[in-house]
């Protein structure tokens, strides 16, 4: 279905980045044939093609500027099959992540990738950015769950990359290459994903600390304890206060930092005992529960962190990762940056894999970001690299981090990226200006 470009919300994403000009056309695809026809038209005219799902991306990867065609895949939203024996599902790109997980649960299974936007983000968008999430510490990221992808290439042809089986090493891993490519190599229209047995038992702990650095040291203690929590989340006091204001909770009154941990499987309680032993020396207060409702409340508070900050102002959402052994250094460095530039920086993230979200909040509005906020963001990226980390762990490069991504990769690796891009997209029409 083709529509004039009157719906500006389809030209932007959650990053807050504003496009230069307006797209020429919006196509809401109803089937794969319409995707192919749109790609062929774009190729014939040399028009940029920007693919989007729910628009929940945080790096500007789905922002469409002057003259572009926006290809919306949100209506390709069927869960075609779930196979409990093989532990797989065939899903279209527009399926909401939480909907796939809920459907898998009906079969006693779990779709492990669990981004904070699980209730709104799509499988196609998760594949585009190689999304991570709360369960990443144990179960990995989207790439770890993808077995095969159906991809419309830049000439409109349709190919399946990957394999139907859990194991397989035939040929180059082109499916793995496409995952995380942010729509620059091809358009993922459907995928075969891996499902895991849903845990029979869960144990969830909350621990409050006198400082964020103390919480980071507790993460290091857990890392060497032998426990492997499925979820290990960290939130600073300022973020807790924002959540309290939005949700009517009283988290901030209990400490300067909160660590949330969840263990799963038949030995969930025994593993949680190891976690508690690791964090007890530095925690001001800790408790744990096997009650599913209480656990859901705790994890929901974490998921409300970004929406709570969006109520305060316009968030500049950063996404770095460092080795877990340097998490405390990263947190201390972010505090120095906030003081240096006199900007508020809220910190939360997936501590189990070293992934932090330092969020700079400025006044609401669509104008240019304050110079102090931009300088602070640059310093955060530089800090991540200096600690042996990365400038993006799960949100993608998009349009916001392209120069920093190139700096991280280096000239030789960037050259390889450029050569691969030319093989897949010789005309350069697929999401130009985004990614690497």
Protein backbone atom coordinates (compact mmCIF):
# COMPACT_ATOMS: atom_id res chain seq x y z
CA UNK A 1 0.00 0.00 0.00
CA UNK A 2 1.47 3.34 -1.08
CA UNK A 3 0.63 6.60 0.66
CA UNK A 4 1.81 10.19 0.33
CA UNK A 5 4.37 11.24 2.91
CA UNK A 6 1.99 12.97 5.29
CA UNK A 7 2.66 10.84 8.39
CA UNK A 8 5.83 12.42 9.75
CA UNK A 9 6.00 9.85 12.56
CA UNK A 10 6.97 7.27 9.95
CA UNK A 11 9.98 9.37 8.98
CA UNK A 12 11.49 9.41 12.48
CA UNK A 13 12.35 7.00 15.26
CA UNK A 14 12.70 7.18 19.04
CA UNK A 15 16.17 8.74 18.85
CA UNK A 16 14.77 12.26 18.55
CA UNK A 17 16.89 12.93 15.45
CA UNK A 18 14.99 15.15 13.01
CA UNK A 19 15.23 14.48 9.26
CA UNK A 20 16.36 17.03 6.70
CA UNK A 21 13.28 17.44 4.55
CA UNK A 22 10.43 15.02 4.07
CA UNK A 23 10.32 11.61 2.42
CA UNK A 24 8.73 11.42 -1.00
CA UNK A 25 6.66 8.33 -0.31
CA UNK A 26 5.63 5.89 2.41
CA UNK A 27 4.96 2.26 1.52
CA UNK A 28 3.24 0.09 4.10
CA UNK A 29 4.02 -3.36 2.76
CA UNK A 30 1.38 -6.06 3.10
CA UNK A 31 3.43 -8.92 1.67
CA UNK A 32 6.92 -9.79 0.45
CA UNK A 33 5.99 -9.16 -3.19
CA UNK A 34 5.21 -5.53 -2.34
CA UNK A 35 8.58 -5.21 -0.61
CA UNK A 36 10.31 -6.56 -3.72
CA UNK A 37 8.39 -4.25 -6.04
CA UNK A 38 9.27 -1.23 -3.87
CA UNK A 39 12.96 -2.14 -3.84
CA UNK A 40 12.98 -2.54 -7.63
CA UNK A 41 11.39 0.89 -8.07
CA UNK A 42 13.94 2.46 -5.75
CA UNK A 43 16.79 0.76 -7.59
CA UNK A 44 15.49 1.87 -10.98
CA UNK A 45 15.30 5.50 -9.89
CA UNK A 46 18.28 5.52 -7.50
CA UNK A 47 16.08 6.77 -4.64
CA UNK A 48 17.17 6.10 -1.04
CA UNK A 49 15.10 3.41 0.69
CA UNK A 50 14.66 3.53 4.47
CA UNK A 51 13.15 0.45 6.08
CA UNK A 52 11.37 0.64 9.43
CA UNK A 53 9.35 -1.47 11.83
CA UNK A 54 7.96 0.11 15.00
CA UNK A 55 10.32 3.09 14.95
CA UNK A 56 11.61 2.21 18.41
CA UNK A 57 15.25 2.54 17.36
CA UNK A 58 17.46 4.87 19.38
CA UNK A 59 20.30 5.67 16.97
CA UNK A 60 18.48 7.38 14.10
CA UNK A 61 18.67 4.34 11.83
CA UNK A 62 15.08 4.73 10.58
CA UNK A 63 15.11 8.50 10.01
CA UNK A 64 14.12 9.33 6.43
CA UNK A 65 15.08 12.61 4.79
CA UNK A 66 14.25 14.52 1.63
CA UNK A 67 13.09 12.42 -1.31
CA UNK A 68 13.47 9.02 0.33
CA UNK A 69 11.04 6.12 0.20
CA UNK A 70 10.00 4.82 3.61
CA UNK A 71 9.27 1.09 3.59
CA UNK A 72 7.18 0.16 6.64
CA UNK A 73 7.21 -3.58 7.47
CA UNK A 74 4.99 -3.39 10.56
CA UNK A 75 2.12 -5.17 8.79
CA UNK A 76 4.24 -8.22 8.01
CA UNK A 77 3.29 -9.47 11.45
CA UNK A 78 2.48 -13.17 11.26
CA UNK A 79 3.97 -15.87 13.44
CA UNK A 80 3.91 -18.56 10.79
CA UNK A 81 4.94 -21.61 12.79
CA UNK A 82 6.27 -22.67 16.17
CA UNK A 83 7.92 -26.09 16.36
CA UNK A 84 8.31 -27.27 19.97
CA UNK A 85 10.42 -30.30 19.00
CA UNK A 86 12.95 -28.35 16.94
CA UNK A 87 12.68 -25.35 19.24
CA UNK A 88 12.21 -22.89 16.38
CA UNK A 89 9.73 -20.34 15.06
CA UNK A 90 9.17 -18.86 11.61
CA UNK A 91 8.16 -15.22 11.99
CA UNK A 92 7.68 -12.18 9.79
CA UNK A 93 9.65 -9.02 10.37
CA UNK A 94 6.79 -6.99 11.86
CA UNK A 95 6.03 -9.38 14.73
CA UNK A 96 6.27 -7.62 18.10
CA UNK A 97 9.00 -9.20 20.22
CA UNK A 98 6.77 -9.71 23.28
CA UNK A 99 4.10 -11.35 21.11
CA UNK A 100 6.59 -13.95 19.89
CA UNK A 101 7.72 -14.66 23.45
CA UNK A 102 4.09 -14.99 24.60
CA UNK A 103 3.30 -17.39 21.75
CA UNK A 104 6.40 -19.42 22.59
CA UNK A 105 5.32 -19.61 26.26
CA UNK A 106 2.13 -21.35 25.16
CA UNK A 107 4.41 -24.22 24.08
CA UNK A 108 6.59 -24.12 27.19
CA UNK A 109 9.28 -22.23 25.30
CA UNK A 110 11.08 -18.90 25.54
CA UNK A 111 12.29 -16.36 22.98
CA UNK A 112 15.39 -15.26 24.85
CA UNK A 113 16.25 -11.79 23.42
CA UNK A 114 14.52 -9.31 25.71
CA UNK A 115 15.15 -5.64 24.81
CA UNK A 116 13.77 -2.94 27.07
CA UNK A 117 11.35 -2.07 24.26
CA UNK A 118 10.09 -5.67 24.10
CA UNK A 119 6.45 -4.56 24.13
CA UNK A 120 6.75 -2.35 21.05
CA UNK A 121 9.85 -3.33 19.07
CA UNK A 122 9.65 -5.74 16.15
CA UNK A 123 11.68 -8.82 15.32
CA UNK A 124 12.87 -7.16 12.10
CA UNK A 125 14.07 -4.11 13.99
CA UNK A 126 15.77 -6.31 16.59
CA UNK A 127 17.56 -8.15 13.77
CA UNK A 128 18.55 -4.87 12.12
CA UNK A 129 20.33 -3.62 15.24
CA UNK A 130 21.26 -6.99 16.78
CA UNK A 131 19.28 -5.91 19.83
CA UNK A 132 20.30 -7.09 23.28
CA UNK A 133 18.24 -6.72 26.41
CA UNK A 134 17.74 -7.74 30.00
CA UNK A 135 18.47 -11.46 29.51
CA UNK A 136 21.60 -10.84 27.46
CA UNK A 137 24.05 -11.71 30.24
CA UNK A 138 23.07 -15.38 30.04
CA UNK A 139 21.33 -15.86 26.71
CA UNK A 140 23.17 -13.45 24.45
CA UNK A 141 21.75 -11.06 21.86
CA UNK A 142 19.50 -11.35 18.83
CA UNK A 143 22.23 -12.84 16.61
CA UNK A 144 22.46 -15.78 19.01
CA UNK A 145 18.78 -16.57 18.41
CA UNK A 146 18.66 -16.19 14.61
CA UNK A 147 19.15 -19.30 12.48
CA UNK A 148 18.09 -17.94 9.08
CA UNK A 149 16.72 -14.79 7.47
CA UNK A 150 14.73 -14.15 4.32
CA UNK A 151 16.26 -11.06 2.76
CA UNK A 152 15.18 -8.89 -0.17
CA UNK A 153 18.41 -7.73 -1.79
CA UNK A 154 19.03 -4.35 -3.41
CA UNK A 155 17.94 -5.65 -6.84
CA UNK A 156 14.61 -6.94 -5.49
CA UNK A 157 15.57 -10.61 -5.42
CA UNK A 158 14.66 -12.74 -2.40
CA UNK A 159 17.18 -15.08 -0.76
CA UNK A 160 17.29 -17.17 2.39
CA UNK A 161 20.53 -16.87 4.32
CA UNK A 162 21.41 -19.19 7.17
CA UNK A 163 20.28 -22.70 7.95
CA UNK A 164 17.17 -24.62 9.09
CA UNK A 165 19.04 -26.50 11.83
CA UNK A 166 20.48 -25.53 15.20
CA UNK A 167 23.94 -26.51 13.96
CA UNK A 168 25.39 -25.90 10.49
CA UNK A 169 28.62 -24.52 9.02
CA UNK A 170 28.03 -24.65 5.27
CA UNK A 171 29.31 -21.50 3.59
CA UNK A 172 30.03 -18.09 5.03
CA UNK A 173 27.80 -16.88 7.86
CA UNK A 174 25.86 -14.40 5.74
CA UNK A 175 22.86 -14.50 8.06
CA UNK A 176 25.11 -13.41 10.93
CA UNK A 177 26.46 -10.64 8.71
CA UNK A 178 22.99 -9.31 7.95
CA UNK A 179 22.01 -9.33 11.63
CA UNK A 180 23.11 -5.95 12.94
CA UNK A 181 23.59 -4.41 9.48
CA UNK A 182 20.75 -1.91 10.08
CA UNK A 183 19.06 -2.32 6.72
CA UNK A 184 22.19 -1.37 4.77
CA UNK A 185 22.80 -4.80 3.16
CA UNK A 186 19.26 -6.01 2.54
CA UNK A 187 15.74 -5.99 3.91
CA UNK A 188 14.88 -8.79 6.31
CA UNK A 189 11.26 -9.79 5.73
CA UNK A 190 11.14 -12.93 7.88
CA UNK A 191 13.33 -15.14 10.01
CA UNK A 192 13.72 -18.55 11.54
CA UNK A 193 14.60 -18.04 15.19
CA UNK A 194 15.65 -20.31 17.97
CA UNK A 195 13.43 -20.94 21.00
CA UNK A 196 14.57 -22.34 24.34
CA UNK A 197 12.74 -24.19 27.10
CA UNK A 198 11.04 -21.70 29.40
CA UNK A 199 12.61 -21.85 32.87
CA UNK A 200 10.53 -23.76 35.39
CA UNK A 201 11.82 -21.66 38.30
CA UNK A 202 12.88 -18.04 38.77
CA UNK A 203 14.52 -16.26 41.65
CA UNK A 204 14.73 -12.47 41.64
CA UNK A 205 16.77 -10.24 43.93
CA UNK A 206 16.97 -6.53 44.55
CA UNK A 207 19.95 -4.96 46.29
CA UNK A 208 20.45 -1.31 47.19
CA UNK A 209 23.88 0.28 47.59
CA UNK A 210 25.31 3.45 49.06
CA UNK A 211 26.93 4.32 45.73
CA UNK A 212 26.82 3.29 42.09
CA UNK A 213 30.48 2.31 42.33
CA UNK A 214 29.63 -0.11 45.15
CA UNK A 215 26.99 -1.68 42.90
CA UNK A 216 29.57 -2.01 40.10
CA UNK A 217 31.97 -3.77 42.48
CA UNK A 218 29.14 -6.14 43.39
CA UNK A 219 28.75 -6.98 39.69
CA UNK A 220 32.43 -7.93 39.60
CA UNK A 221 31.94 -10.11 42.69
CA UNK A 222 29.05 -11.94 41.00
CA UNK A 223 31.16 -12.45 37.87
CA UNK A 224 33.76 -14.45 39.79
CA UNK A 225 31.29 -16.23 42.08
CA UNK A 226 30.40 -18.98 39.63
CA UNK A 227 26.81 -17.74 39.30
CA UNK A 228 25.47 -16.71 35.91
CA UNK A 229 22.30 -14.66 36.36
CA UNK A 230 19.95 -14.44 33.42
CA UNK A 231 19.31 -10.79 34.34
CA UNK A 232 21.68 -8.37 36.06
CA UNK A 233 20.56 -4.74 35.84
CA UNK A 234 21.97 -1.59 37.42
CA UNK A 235 20.25 1.77 38.03
CA UNK A 236 21.59 4.93 39.65
CA UNK A 237 19.80 7.04 42.25
CA UNK A 238 18.77 9.78 39.83
CA UNK A 239 17.08 7.21 37.58
CA UNK A 240 15.33 5.66 40.58
CA UNK A 241 13.97 9.10 41.52
CA UNK A 242 12.61 9.56 38.00
CA UNK A 243 10.93 6.15 38.13
CA UNK A 244 9.43 7.01 41.53
CA UNK A 245 7.97 10.22 40.11
CA UNK A 246 6.44 8.39 37.18
CA UNK A 247 5.29 5.20 38.91
CA UNK A 248 4.59 6.27 42.50
CA UNK A 249 7.25 3.94 43.92
CA UNK A 250 9.80 4.67 46.65
CA UNK A 251 12.97 3.13 45.22
CA UNK A 252 15.17 6.20 45.61
CA UNK A 253 14.66 6.33 49.38
CA UNK A 254 16.45 2.99 49.76
CA UNK A 255 19.83 3.82 48.26
CA UNK A 256 22.01 5.54 45.65
CA UNK A 257 21.95 2.54 43.34
CA UNK A 258 19.87 -0.56 42.67
CA UNK A 259 21.03 -3.91 41.35
CA UNK A 260 18.41 -6.33 40.04
CA UNK A 261 19.39 -9.96 39.54
CA UNK A 262 17.40 -12.93 38.30
CA UNK A 263 18.47 -16.55 38.14
CA UNK A 264 16.48 -19.20 36.32
CA UNK A 265 16.25 -22.93 35.78
CA UNK A 266 15.82 -25.86 38.12
CA UNK A 267 18.54 -24.57 40.43
CA UNK A 268 17.38 -20.94 40.48
CA UNK A 269 17.19 -20.68 44.27
CA UNK A 270 20.56 -22.35 44.82
CA UNK A 271 22.21 -20.05 42.25
CA UNK A 272 20.57 -17.00 43.82
CA UNK A 273 22.12 -17.96 47.15
CA UNK A 274 25.53 -17.65 45.46
CA UNK A 275 24.58 -14.22 44.06
CA UNK A 276 23.44 -12.99 47.49
CA UNK A 277 26.66 -14.21 49.10
CA UNK A 278 28.64 -12.23 46.50
CA UNK A 279 26.80 -8.95 46.95
CA UNK A 280 26.10 -9.02 50.70
CA UNK A 281 29.42 -7.43 51.79
CA UNK A 282 28.75 -4.19 49.87
CA UNK A 283 24.93 -4.02 49.75
CA UNK A 284 23.12 -1.70 52.15
CA UNK A 285 20.02 -3.87 51.82
CA UNK A 286 19.09 -6.93 49.80
CA UNK A 287 16.18 -9.33 49.44
CA UNK A 288 15.07 -11.99 47.01
CA UNK A 289 11.88 -13.74 46.06
CA UNK A 290 10.54 -16.61 44.01
CA UNK A 291 7.17 -14.86 43.69
CA UNK A 292 6.50 -14.27 39.99
CA UNK A 293 4.31 -11.21 40.55
CA UNK A 294 6.89 -9.48 42.75
CA UNK A 295 9.62 -10.29 40.23
CA UNK A 296 7.54 -8.81 37.41
CA UNK A 297 7.10 -5.59 39.41
CA UNK A 298 10.86 -5.27 39.95
CA UNK A 299 11.72 -5.84 36.30
CA UNK A 300 8.94 -3.53 35.18
CA UNK A 301 10.55 -0.75 37.19
CA UNK A 302 13.70 -1.27 35.16
CA UNK A 303 11.74 -1.18 31.88
CA UNK A 304 10.18 2.12 32.95
CA UNK A 305 13.56 3.83 33.29
CA UNK A 306 13.65 5.38 29.81
CA UNK A 307 9.94 6.35 29.71
CA UNK A 308 10.43 8.01 33.12
CA UNK A 309 13.32 10.09 31.79
CA UNK A 310 11.32 11.01 28.69
CA UNK A 311 8.80 12.67 31.04
CA UNK A 312 11.54 14.90 32.44
CA UNK A 313 12.97 16.14 29.16
CA UNK A 314 14.50 15.09 25.89
CA UNK A 315 16.90 12.19 26.47
CA UNK A 316 20.10 11.81 24.48
CA UNK A 317 20.30 8.04 24.76
CA UNK A 318 23.79 6.57 24.82
CA UNK A 319 24.71 2.93 24.65
CA UNK A 320 28.24 1.90 25.53
CA UNK A 321 29.78 -1.30 26.79
CA UNK A 322 33.02 -1.92 28.65
CA UNK A 323 34.59 -5.07 30.09
CA UNK A 324 32.85 -5.93 33.36
CA UNK A 325 36.17 -5.57 35.15
CA UNK A 326 36.13 -1.86 34.21
CA UNK A 327 32.50 -1.11 34.95
CA UNK A 328 33.28 0.89 38.09
CA UNK A 329 35.85 2.97 36.16
CA UNK A 330 33.26 3.71 33.48
CA UNK A 331 30.71 4.82 36.08
CA UNK A 332 33.22 7.07 37.82
CA UNK A 333 34.28 8.52 34.48
CA UNK A 334 30.69 9.31 33.53
CA UNK A 335 30.27 11.24 36.80
CA UNK A 336 33.37 13.28 35.96
CA UNK A 337 31.97 14.04 32.50
CA UNK A 338 28.63 15.16 33.96
CA UNK A 339 30.42 17.55 36.31
CA UNK A 340 32.78 18.81 33.61
CA UNK A 341 29.98 19.83 31.27
CA UNK A 342 27.36 20.63 33.93
CA UNK A 343 24.78 18.33 32.34
CA UNK A 344 22.57 15.76 34.09
CA UNK A 345 23.53 12.21 33.17
CA UNK A 346 21.36 9.31 34.36
CA UNK A 347 22.96 5.86 34.35
CA UNK A 348 21.32 2.45 34.05
CA UNK A 349 21.99 -0.63 31.99
CA UNK A 350 22.71 -4.30 31.62
CA UNK A 351 25.51 -4.73 34.13
CA UNK A 352 25.88 -8.44 33.48
CA UNK A 353 27.50 -7.82 30.11
CA UNK A 354 29.01 -4.40 30.82
CA UNK A 355 26.40 -2.50 28.78
CA UNK A 356 25.63 0.96 30.22
CA UNK A 357 23.09 3.55 29.11
CA UNK A 358 24.33 6.98 30.22
CA UNK A 359 21.35 9.20 29.42
CA UNK A 360 21.86 12.95 29.01
CA UNK A 361 18.56 14.76 29.51
CA UNK A 362 18.00 18.23 28.03
CA UNK A 363 14.91 20.40 27.74
CA UNK A 364 12.05 19.17 25.59
CA UNK A 365 12.10 20.30 21.96
CA UNK A 366 13.10 19.29 18.46
CA UNK A 367 15.85 21.85 17.98
CA UNK A 368 19.60 21.42 18.04
CA UNK A 369 21.04 19.77 21.12
CA UNK A 370 22.92 22.06 23.54
CA UNK A 371 26.64 22.12 22.83
CA UNK A 372 27.42 20.93 26.36
CA UNK A 373 25.30 17.81 25.83
CA UNK A 374 27.04 17.03 22.53
CA UNK A 375 30.48 17.44 24.11
CA UNK A 376 29.46 15.23 27.04
CA UNK A 377 28.28 12.50 24.64
CA UNK A 378 31.57 12.65 22.76
CA UNK A 379 33.46 12.32 26.03
CA UNK A 380 31.36 9.28 26.96
CA UNK A 381 32.26 7.59 23.66
CA UNK A 382 35.91 8.42 24.17
CA UNK A 383 35.74 7.02 27.70
CA UNK A 384 34.27 3.74 26.46
CA UNK A 385 37.03 3.30 23.90
CA UNK A 386 39.74 4.19 26.41
CA UNK A 387 38.48 1.40 28.68
CA UNK A 388 38.59 -1.19 25.91
CA UNK A 389 34.88 -0.92 25.18
CA UNK A 390 32.55 -0.02 22.32
CA UNK A 391 30.45 3.01 21.39
CA UNK A 392 27.34 0.93 20.82
CA UNK A 393 26.44 -2.40 22.40
CA UNK A 394 22.86 -2.96 21.26
CA UNK A 395 21.19 0.16 19.83
CA UNK A 396 23.17 0.24 16.61
CA UNK A 397 25.19 2.91 14.84
CA UNK A 398 22.40 4.59 12.89
CA UNK A 399 23.04 8.18 11.89
CA UNK A 400 24.02 9.37 15.33
CA UNK A 401 27.19 7.35 15.87
CA UNK A 402 28.61 6.84 12.40
CA UNK A 403 31.78 8.86 12.90
CA UNK A 404 32.48 7.32 16.28
CA UNK A 405 31.89 3.84 14.88
CA UNK A 406 34.47 4.49 12.17
CA UNK A 407 36.88 5.74 14.78
CA UNK A 408 36.39 2.55 16.81
CA UNK A 409 36.77 0.24 13.82
CA UNK A 410 39.79 1.90 12.21
CA UNK A 411 40.50 2.62 8.55
CA UNK A 412 41.32 -0.94 7.45
CA UNK A 413 38.16 -2.43 8.94
CA UNK A 414 36.01 0.44 7.64
CA UNK A 415 37.38 -0.29 4.18
CA UNK A 416 36.22 -3.90 4.51
CA UNK A 417 32.77 -2.69 5.56
CA UNK A 418 32.60 -0.38 2.54
CA UNK A 419 33.59 -3.19 0.17
CA UNK A 420 30.97 -5.55 1.63
CA UNK A 421 28.35 -2.81 1.31
CA UNK A 422 29.16 -2.41 -2.41
CA UNK A 423 28.70 -6.16 -2.98
CA UNK A 424 25.25 -6.18 -1.42
CA UNK A 425 24.12 -2.71 -2.47
CA UNK A 426 26.12 -1.47 -5.49
CA UNK A 427 23.86 1.56 -6.02
CA UNK A 428 23.99 2.58 -2.36
CA UNK A 429 20.21 2.95 -2.02
CA UNK A 430 19.69 0.91 1.17
CA UNK A 431 19.56 3.21 4.19
CA UNK A 432 22.40 5.48 3.03
CA UNK A 433 24.07 7.55 5.73
CA UNK A 434 23.30 4.99 8.42
CA UNK A 435 25.60 2.41 9.94
CA UNK A 436 29.24 2.36 9.00
